Amino acid sequence: MSDDGTVDTSVVEAVFGNLKVEPILVKSTIPPGTTDELIKKTGKKIAFSPEFVGEGGYVVPWWKNKNYPDPHDMTKHDFQIIGGEKETTKQIVPYFQRVLGPEAVMAQTDAKTAELCKYMENSFIATKVTFCNEFAMMAEALGVDYNELRELWLLDGRVSRMFTAVFPDKRGFGGKCLPKDVNGIIKRLEKAGYDPKFMQAVLDNNERLKTNQG
């Protein structure tokens, strides 16, 4: 992430000068439209696939391995999203099928939709974290135990447990991915002429939460 919140893709672009093989699959999170720009710039067969293996430290219960993408082992994932020109994506699908097996869903789409999907996922997680932190503070103001409140809330099957725990000494979201990606999609949308007020509010509220630690 650059100082102004935009995404610096120079490292990704530099790699293409060294790669002689095709097709090329980009796993780094990049702004929507980047893959298409790289195809025009290099003339190479390029596709994009959102990555789910990274620096996530959350625990995935063994009985839920199929419901949550494991943050450490891609062989436990039951889907892949591959975005690009159809002639390119269909070449890539068999590589994942050999590793994940016939049960895994191979979702093919265009590159821009796949790129935006990754930002949508991380933006939703960021939003959920700030929402739960906000309710934890509201509960505290009303003299209610947030963990007791949370268990009652999660009895509703429409709400999943992931990212609902709140830690008083570590408010809001942090790390490398969520701040980078929320800032990145905001800047990309502003460049496209859209004012993403909701996601900007998530960022602003996250900063407010971090000033109320403990």
Protein backbone atom coordinates (compact mmCIF):
# COMPACT_ATOMS: atom_id res chain seq x y z
CA MET A 1 0.00 0.00 0.00
CA SER A 2 1.35 3.42 -0.97
CA ASP A 3 1.27 6.31 1.51
CA ASP A 4 -1.91 7.66 -0.11
CA GLY A 5 -3.71 4.29 0.14
CA THR A 6 -3.37 3.33 -3.52
CA VAL A 7 -2.02 -0.06 -4.57
CA ASP A 8 1.58 -0.27 -5.76
CA THR A 9 1.62 -3.06 -8.39
CA SER A 10 5.21 -2.50 -9.50
CA VAL A 11 6.48 -5.76 -7.96
CA VAL A 12 3.78 -7.77 -9.73
CA GLU A 13 4.48 -6.05 -13.04
CA ALA A 14 8.24 -6.62 -12.68
CA VAL A 15 7.75 -10.38 -12.43
CA PHE A 16 6.31 -10.54 -15.94
CA GLY A 17 9.66 -9.52 -17.37
CA ASN A 18 11.20 -12.71 -15.94
CA LEU A 19 8.47 -15.21 -16.78
CA LYS A 20 8.87 -17.02 -20.08
CA VAL A 21 6.06 -19.57 -19.64
CA GLU A 22 2.33 -19.19 -20.25
CA PRO A 23 -0.35 -19.10 -19.02
CA ILE A 24 0.49 -16.97 -16.00
CA LEU A 25 -1.80 -16.92 -12.95
CA VAL A 26 -1.69 -13.89 -10.66
CA LYS A 27 -2.49 -14.62 -7.01
CA SER A 28 -1.53 -11.22 -5.55
CA THR A 29 -4.52 -8.99 -4.80
CA ILE A 30 -4.56 -6.30 -7.49
CA PRO A 31 -7.04 -3.50 -8.35
CA PRO A 32 -9.88 -4.43 -10.73
CA GLY A 33 -8.76 -3.99 -14.31
CA THR A 34 -5.05 -4.69 -13.65
CA THR A 35 -5.02 -8.13 -15.29
CA ASP A 36 -6.57 -6.76 -18.47
CA GLU A 37 -3.99 -3.95 -18.48
CA LEU A 38 -1.17 -6.46 -18.05
CA ILE A 39 -2.49 -8.55 -20.96
CA LYS A 40 -2.48 -5.49 -23.22
CA LYS A 41 0.96 -4.42 -22.02
CA THR A 42 2.69 -7.81 -22.29
CA GLY A 43 0.64 -9.70 -24.87
CA LYS A 44 0.80 -12.75 -22.59
CA LYS A 45 -1.91 -15.15 -21.47
CA ILE A 46 -2.68 -13.96 -17.93
CA ALA A 47 -5.44 -14.84 -15.47
CA PHE A 48 -6.21 -13.82 -11.88
CA SER A 49 -7.28 -15.99 -8.94
CA PRO A 50 -8.12 -14.69 -5.44
CA GLU A 51 -5.75 -16.11 -2.84
CA PHE A 52 -6.96 -17.62 0.44
CA VAL A 53 -3.64 -18.91 1.74
CA GLY A 54 -1.68 -16.17 3.43
CA GLU A 55 -1.02 -14.65 6.81
CA GLY A 56 -4.38 -15.39 8.41
CA GLY A 57 -3.90 -16.76 11.89
CA TYR A 58 -7.46 -17.86 12.60
CA VAL A 59 -8.17 -21.43 13.67
CA VAL A 60 -10.23 -23.64 11.36
CA PRO A 61 -11.93 -26.48 13.31
CA TRP A 62 -11.16 -29.81 11.61
CA TRP A 63 -14.87 -30.54 11.07
CA LYS A 64 -15.35 -27.24 9.25
CA ASN A 65 -12.44 -27.47 6.82
CA LYS A 66 -14.83 -27.45 3.89
CA ASN A 67 -16.71 -24.39 5.12
CA TYR A 68 -13.75 -22.09 5.74
CA PRO A 69 -10.79 -21.69 3.37
CA ASP A 70 -7.80 -22.91 5.38
CA PRO A 71 -5.34 -20.03 5.77
CA HIS A 72 -2.33 -22.35 5.55
CA ASP A 73 -3.17 -25.33 3.31
CA MET A 74 -4.73 -24.85 -0.12
CA THR A 75 -5.28 -28.61 -0.53
CA LYS A 76 -8.13 -28.24 1.98
CA HIS A 77 -9.98 -25.68 -0.16
CA ASP A 78 -13.07 -26.82 -2.02
CA PHE A 79 -13.17 -24.07 -4.65
CA GLN A 80 -11.05 -21.85 -6.85
CA ILE A 81 -12.03 -18.68 -8.70
CA ILE A 82 -10.15 -18.15 -11.96
CA GLY A 83 -10.68 -14.93 -13.89
CA GLY A 84 -9.54 -14.13 -17.40
CA GLU A 85 -10.18 -14.89 -21.04
CA LYS A 86 -11.89 -18.28 -21.36
CA GLU A 87 -9.12 -19.76 -23.48
CA THR A 88 -6.71 -18.97 -20.64
CA THR A 89 -8.84 -19.99 -17.64
CA LYS A 90 -9.72 -23.37 -19.09
CA GLN A 91 -6.01 -24.12 -19.42
CA ILE A 92 -5.51 -23.40 -15.72
CA VAL A 93 -8.45 -25.38 -14.30
CA PRO A 94 -6.78 -28.83 -14.67
CA TYR A 95 -3.81 -27.77 -12.52
CA PHE A 96 -6.11 -27.12 -9.56
CA GLN A 97 -8.24 -30.20 -10.23
CA ARG A 98 -5.17 -32.42 -9.88
CA VAL A 99 -4.54 -30.99 -6.41
CA LEU A 100 -8.06 -30.40 -5.08
CA GLY A 101 -9.85 -33.31 -6.74
CA PRO A 102 -13.14 -33.57 -8.62
CA GLU A 103 -15.31 -32.32 -5.74
CA ALA A 104 -13.81 -28.82 -5.79
CA VAL A 105 -15.75 -26.13 -7.64
CA MET A 106 -13.79 -24.42 -10.43
CA ALA A 107 -15.53 -21.06 -10.94
CA GLN A 108 -14.44 -19.33 -14.14
CA THR A 109 -15.21 -15.67 -14.80
CA ASP A 110 -13.62 -12.56 -16.31
CA ALA A 111 -10.53 -11.08 -14.66
CA LYS A 112 -12.12 -7.85 -13.42
CA THR A 113 -14.96 -9.69 -11.66
CA ALA A 114 -12.49 -12.06 -9.97
CA GLU A 115 -10.32 -9.13 -8.88
CA LEU A 116 -13.31 -7.28 -7.41
CA CYS A 117 -14.50 -10.47 -5.68
CA LYS A 118 -11.31 -10.60 -3.60
CA TYR A 119 -11.79 -6.97 -2.51
CA MET A 120 -15.44 -7.68 -1.73
CA GLU A 121 -14.48 -10.59 0.54
CA ASN A 122 -11.87 -8.67 2.51
CA SER A 123 -14.05 -5.55 2.70
CA PHE A 124 -16.88 -7.65 4.13
CA ILE A 125 -14.57 -9.14 6.77
CA ALA A 126 -13.34 -5.67 7.69
CA THR A 127 -16.93 -4.43 7.93
CA LYS A 128 -17.95 -7.38 10.11
CA VAL A 129 -15.02 -6.83 12.47
CA THR A 130 -15.84 -3.14 12.93
CA PHE A 131 -19.56 -3.94 13.35
CA CYS A 132 -18.85 -6.42 16.15
CA ASN A 133 -16.38 -4.09 17.82
CA GLU A 134 -18.96 -1.32 17.71
CA PHE A 135 -21.57 -3.53 19.37
CA ALA A 136 -19.05 -4.57 22.01
CA MET A 137 -18.61 -0.91 22.92
CA MET A 138 -22.37 -0.36 22.85
CA ALA A 139 -22.84 -3.37 25.13
CA GLU A 140 -20.24 -2.05 27.55
CA ALA A 141 -21.98 1.33 27.64
CA LEU A 142 -25.23 -0.44 28.58
CA GLY A 143 -23.64 -2.77 31.13
CA VAL A 144 -24.08 -5.88 28.96
CA ASP A 145 -21.53 -8.68 28.57
CA TYR A 146 -20.62 -8.74 24.86
CA ASN A 147 -19.72 -12.45 24.86
CA GLU A 148 -23.11 -13.32 26.33
CA LEU A 149 -24.77 -11.05 23.76
CA ARG A 150 -22.70 -12.60 20.96
CA GLU A 151 -23.76 -16.16 21.80
CA LEU A 152 -27.43 -15.17 21.70
CA TRP A 153 -26.93 -13.34 18.39
CA LEU A 154 -25.20 -16.35 16.85
CA LEU A 155 -28.17 -18.60 17.58
CA ASP A 156 -29.58 -17.08 14.39
CA GLY A 157 -28.27 -19.35 11.63
CA ARG A 158 -28.03 -16.43 9.20
CA VAL A 159 -25.03 -15.10 11.15
CA SER A 160 -21.71 -17.00 11.04
CA ARG A 161 -19.27 -17.09 13.98
CA MET A 162 -16.16 -16.11 12.05
CA PHE A 163 -14.73 -12.65 12.84
CA THR A 164 -17.22 -11.97 15.65
CA ALA A 165 -14.84 -12.28 18.62
CA VAL A 166 -13.79 -8.92 20.09
CA PHE A 167 -10.54 -8.39 21.97
CA PRO A 168 -10.54 -5.34 24.28
CA ASP A 169 -6.78 -4.86 23.90
CA LYS A 170 -6.88 -5.09 20.10
CA ARG A 171 -9.85 -3.22 18.70
CA GLY A 172 -10.79 -3.17 15.04
CA PHE A 173 -8.97 -4.82 12.17
CA GLY A 174 -5.29 -4.63 11.31
CA GLY A 175 -2.62 -6.75 9.71
CA LYS A 176 -1.35 -6.44 6.17
CA CYS A 177 -4.36 -7.46 4.07
CA LEU A 178 -7.49 -5.75 5.37
CA PRO A 179 -6.20 -2.16 5.68
CA LYS A 180 -4.38 -2.48 2.35
CA ASP A 181 -7.35 -3.90 0.49
CA VAL A 182 -10.02 -1.59 1.92
CA ASN A 183 -7.85 1.42 1.12
CA GLY A 184 -7.03 -0.05 -2.28
CA ILE A 185 -10.61 -0.58 -3.43
CA ILE A 186 -11.61 2.87 -2.16
CA LYS A 187 -8.86 4.50 -4.24
CA ARG A 188 -9.68 2.39 -7.30
CA LEU A 189 -13.36 3.35 -7.10
CA GLU A 190 -12.52 7.03 -6.66
CA LYS A 191 -10.42 6.75 -9.82
CA ALA A 192 -13.46 5.28 -11.57
CA GLY A 193 -15.54 8.28 -10.50
CA TYR A 194 -17.47 6.58 -7.68
CA ASP A 195 -17.50 7.85 -4.10
CA PRO A 196 -17.42 4.73 -1.84
CA LYS A 197 -18.77 6.46 1.27
CA PHE A 198 -19.74 3.23 3.04
CA MET A 199 -16.28 1.65 2.83
CA GLN A 200 -14.67 4.97 3.78
CA ALA A 201 -16.92 5.00 6.85
CA VAL A 202 -15.66 1.49 7.72
CA LEU A 203 -12.07 2.77 7.56
CA ASP A 204 -12.88 5.88 9.59
CA ASN A 205 -14.73 3.85 12.21
CA ASN A 206 -11.84 1.40 12.45
CA GLU A 207 -9.50 4.25 13.28
CA ARG A 208 -11.94 5.47 15.92
CA LEU A 209 -12.09 1.99 17.44
CA LYS A 210 -8.32 1.81 17.67
CA THR A 211 -8.23 5.01 19.70
CA ASN A 212 -10.53 3.35 22.27
CA GLN A 213 -8.37 0.34 23.15
CA GLY A 214 -8.85 -1.37 26.47
